[in-house]
Amino acid sequence: MGRVIVEFPECREVLVGDKSQGNNRDEQGVYLILLIGDGLQTFTLGGAKNYTPLSQSVRVGGGSVIIPQRVIFQKNGL
């Protein structure tokens, strides 16, 4: 299992292969570390499609609590 942080300026549901993995942030806005299966995984966000890229395929493997992998989405218009 890899440890991943999904960066986006808002709290959003994180989908991996169309399955929910929970939100990217907690109630205080702090990023959450998600445990994701190793291998090539496709990440998208729930909610409005106001971000780029619309999906990302990332090879997940490893990552730690101290240095998790990062998947970064940008909000359109910023």
Protein backbone atom coordinates (compact mmCIF):
# COMPACT_ATOMS: atom_id res chain seq x y z
CA MET A 1 0.00 0.00 0.00
CA GLY A 2 1.21 3.46 -0.89
CA ARG A 3 0.62 6.60 1.11
CA VAL A 4 -0.65 9.51 -0.97
CA ILE A 5 -1.72 13.11 -0.39
CA VAL A 6 -4.06 14.58 -3.02
CA GLU A 7 -3.52 18.33 -3.16
CA PHE A 8 -6.39 20.63 -4.16
CA PRO A 9 -7.33 24.02 -2.64
CA GLU A 10 -10.75 22.71 -1.50
CA CYS A 11 -11.94 19.64 0.36
CA ARG A 12 -12.94 17.10 -2.30
CA GLU A 13 -13.76 13.42 -2.49
CA VAL A 14 -10.87 11.46 -4.00
CA LEU A 15 -11.73 8.73 -6.46
CA VAL A 16 -9.26 6.04 -7.50
CA GLY A 17 -10.49 3.92 -10.37
CA ASP A 18 -13.99 5.37 -9.76
CA LYS A 19 -14.00 4.13 -6.13
CA SER A 20 -14.17 6.64 -3.29
CA GLN A 21 -11.11 6.83 -1.06
CA GLY A 22 -12.54 9.54 1.20
CA ASN A 23 -11.73 13.25 1.21
CA ASN A 24 -8.39 14.90 0.54
CA ARG A 25 -8.72 17.15 3.65
CA ASP A 26 -10.20 16.92 7.14
CA GLU A 27 -12.70 19.35 8.73
CA GLN A 28 -9.89 21.78 9.64
CA GLY A 29 -8.52 21.79 6.07
CA VAL A 30 -5.48 19.61 6.84
CA TYR A 31 -4.45 17.19 4.10
CA LEU A 32 -5.18 13.55 4.83
CA ILE A 33 -2.81 10.71 3.94
CA LEU A 34 -4.69 8.09 1.92
CA LEU A 35 -3.67 4.43 1.72
CA ILE A 36 -3.83 3.42 -1.95
CA GLY A 37 -3.02 0.07 -3.53
CA ASP A 38 0.35 -0.20 -5.27
CA GLY A 39 0.54 -0.02 -9.05
CA LEU A 40 -0.81 2.28 -11.74
CA GLN A 41 -3.86 4.08 -10.32
CA THR A 42 -6.15 6.69 -11.89
CA PHE A 43 -7.09 9.61 -9.63
CA THR A 44 -10.04 11.99 -10.09
CA LEU A 45 -11.92 14.35 -7.78
CA GLY A 46 -15.60 14.39 -6.89
CA GLY A 47 -17.77 17.47 -7.28
CA ALA A 48 -17.54 20.13 -9.96
CA LYS A 49 -15.11 19.46 -12.81
CA ASN A 50 -13.41 22.81 -12.25
CA TYR A 51 -9.88 21.44 -12.04
CA THR A 52 -7.03 20.24 -14.22
CA PRO A 53 -6.06 17.67 -15.15
CA LEU A 54 -9.46 15.91 -15.04
CA SER A 55 -7.68 12.65 -14.19
CA GLN A 56 -4.15 11.50 -13.43
CA SER A 57 -2.65 8.06 -13.80
CA VAL A 58 0.06 7.66 -11.19
CA ARG A 59 2.28 4.71 -10.30
CA VAL A 60 1.69 4.31 -6.57
CA GLY A 61 4.29 2.54 -4.53
CA GLY A 62 5.81 3.23 -1.20
CA GLY A 63 5.60 6.67 0.24
CA SER A 64 5.68 7.05 3.98
CA VAL A 65 3.83 8.94 6.67
CA ILE A 66 6.73 11.41 6.68
CA ILE A 67 7.08 11.67 2.88
CA PRO A 68 3.87 10.53 1.13
CA GLN A 69 3.52 10.64 -2.64
CA ARG A 70 1.70 13.73 -3.88
CA VAL A 71 -0.96 13.98 -6.56
CA ILE A 72 -1.66 17.61 -7.43
CA PHE A 73 -4.78 19.05 -9.05
CA GLN A 74 -5.07 22.75 -9.93
CA LYS A 75 -8.33 24.68 -9.66
CA ASN A 76 -9.31 26.30 -12.96
CA GLY A 77 -9.06 30.07 -12.95
CA LEU A 78 -6.31 30.33 -10.32
